[in-house]
Amino acid sequence: MQPAGLRAFEARTAKKSGVYAYENAPKELAPEYEKTFRANKKAWEYFNAQPPGYRRLAIYYVMGAKREETRARRLALLIEDSAAGRRLAAYTLEKRKD
């Protein structure tokens, strides 16, 4: 590291660490959501076969919603897409055909 970078690193404070959304992103689904997801074996197997980066994004997509209704709707969409063997449209460049 360069001297300026070392000075900035040493000057950091705990108060300003861990305050950004990407630093506090949910790491896993809530237990009740995971139970619902596991109930659809095909969707759960497809989801777990995906790379960790996609799984992390999908979990954040569901759990990052502020309203319970939105989280439930996003979980249903994730389960539907996973059961169909496709990724969430929000994280692909392809258009959905349905």
Protein backbone atom coordinates (compact mmCIF):
# COMPACT_ATOMS: atom_id res chain seq x y z
CA MET A 1 0.00 0.00 0.00
CA GLN A 2 1.13 3.55 -0.62
CA PRO A 3 1.83 5.88 2.35
CA ALA A 4 -1.35 7.88 1.70
CA GLY A 5 -3.42 4.69 1.70
CA LEU A 6 -1.82 3.50 4.93
CA ARG A 7 -2.57 6.86 6.60
CA ALA A 8 -6.20 6.68 5.46
CA PHE A 9 -6.49 3.09 6.69
CA GLU A 10 -5.05 3.98 10.09
CA ALA A 11 -7.34 7.02 10.38
CA ARG A 12 -10.53 4.98 9.91
CA THR A 13 -13.08 4.91 12.72
CA ALA A 14 -15.44 2.19 13.86
CA LYS A 15 -18.29 4.71 13.68
CA LYS A 16 -17.93 4.94 9.90
CA SER A 17 -17.35 1.23 9.30
CA GLY A 18 -20.17 -1.11 8.40
CA VAL A 19 -22.69 1.62 7.64
CA TYR A 20 -23.23 1.00 3.95
CA ALA A 21 -25.88 -1.34 2.55
CA TYR A 22 -23.35 -3.56 0.80
CA GLU A 23 -21.51 -4.03 4.11
CA ASN A 24 -24.68 -5.13 5.89
CA ALA A 25 -26.34 -7.19 3.18
CA PRO A 26 -28.31 -10.19 4.47
CA LYS A 27 -26.22 -13.34 4.11
CA GLU A 28 -29.08 -15.83 4.17
CA LEU A 29 -32.83 -16.09 3.84
CA ALA A 30 -34.99 -15.76 6.94
CA PRO A 31 -35.79 -19.24 8.34
CA GLU A 32 -39.46 -19.08 7.32
CA TYR A 33 -38.50 -18.07 3.77
CA GLU A 34 -35.92 -20.80 3.50
CA LYS A 35 -38.51 -23.35 4.68
CA THR A 36 -40.91 -22.16 1.96
CA PHE A 37 -38.13 -22.30 -0.63
CA ARG A 38 -37.00 -25.81 0.41
CA ALA A 39 -40.58 -27.06 0.01
CA ASN A 40 -40.09 -26.78 -3.75
CA LYS A 41 -37.27 -29.32 -4.23
CA LYS A 42 -36.65 -28.53 -7.90
CA ALA A 43 -36.33 -24.81 -7.24
CA TRP A 44 -34.11 -25.33 -4.19
CA GLU A 45 -31.77 -27.68 -6.07
CA TYR A 46 -31.46 -25.26 -8.99
CA PHE A 47 -30.81 -22.33 -6.66
CA ASN A 48 -28.07 -24.19 -4.77
CA ALA A 49 -26.43 -25.24 -8.04
CA GLN A 50 -25.88 -21.57 -8.90
CA PRO A 51 -22.61 -19.76 -8.15
CA PRO A 52 -22.28 -18.12 -4.71
CA GLY A 53 -22.36 -14.62 -6.23
CA TYR A 54 -25.76 -15.17 -7.80
CA ARG A 55 -27.14 -16.74 -4.62
CA ARG A 56 -25.90 -13.75 -2.63
CA LEU A 57 -27.56 -11.30 -5.06
CA ALA A 58 -30.82 -13.26 -5.05
CA ILE A 59 -30.92 -13.40 -1.26
CA TYR A 60 -30.29 -9.65 -1.08
CA TYR A 61 -33.01 -9.11 -3.70
CA VAL A 62 -35.53 -10.89 -1.46
CA MET A 63 -34.37 -9.83 2.00
CA GLY A 64 -33.42 -6.28 1.04
CA ALA A 65 -37.05 -5.26 0.53
CA LYS A 66 -38.45 -3.08 3.31
CA ARG A 67 -42.05 -4.29 3.23
CA GLU A 68 -43.08 -7.83 4.09
CA GLU A 69 -45.40 -7.96 1.06
CA THR A 70 -42.52 -7.10 -1.25
CA ARG A 71 -40.26 -9.75 0.31
CA ALA A 72 -42.99 -12.37 -0.10
CA ARG A 73 -43.59 -11.38 -3.74
CA ARG A 74 -39.87 -11.47 -4.53
CA LEU A 75 -39.46 -14.85 -2.84
CA ALA A 76 -42.35 -16.24 -4.91
CA LEU A 77 -40.69 -14.91 -8.07
CA LEU A 78 -37.34 -16.43 -7.07
CA ILE A 79 -38.97 -19.80 -6.41
CA GLU A 80 -40.91 -19.66 -9.68
CA ASP A 81 -37.84 -18.77 -11.74
CA SER A 82 -35.65 -21.34 -9.99
CA ALA A 83 -38.24 -24.08 -10.52
CA ALA A 84 -38.28 -23.18 -14.22
CA GLY A 85 -34.49 -23.46 -14.32
CA ARG A 86 -33.79 -19.80 -14.94
CA ARG A 87 -32.24 -16.95 -13.03
CA LEU A 88 -34.08 -13.86 -11.87
CA ALA A 89 -34.69 -11.55 -14.81
CA ALA A 90 -33.30 -8.64 -12.80
CA TYR A 91 -29.87 -10.32 -12.87
CA THR A 92 -29.72 -11.47 -16.47
CA LEU A 93 -29.37 -9.75 -19.79
CA GLU A 94 -32.01 -11.93 -21.42
CA LYS A 95 -35.65 -10.96 -21.71
CA ARG A 96 -38.22 -13.25 -20.11
CA LYS A 97 -40.25 -15.15 -22.66
CA ASP A 98 -43.44 -15.54 -20.61
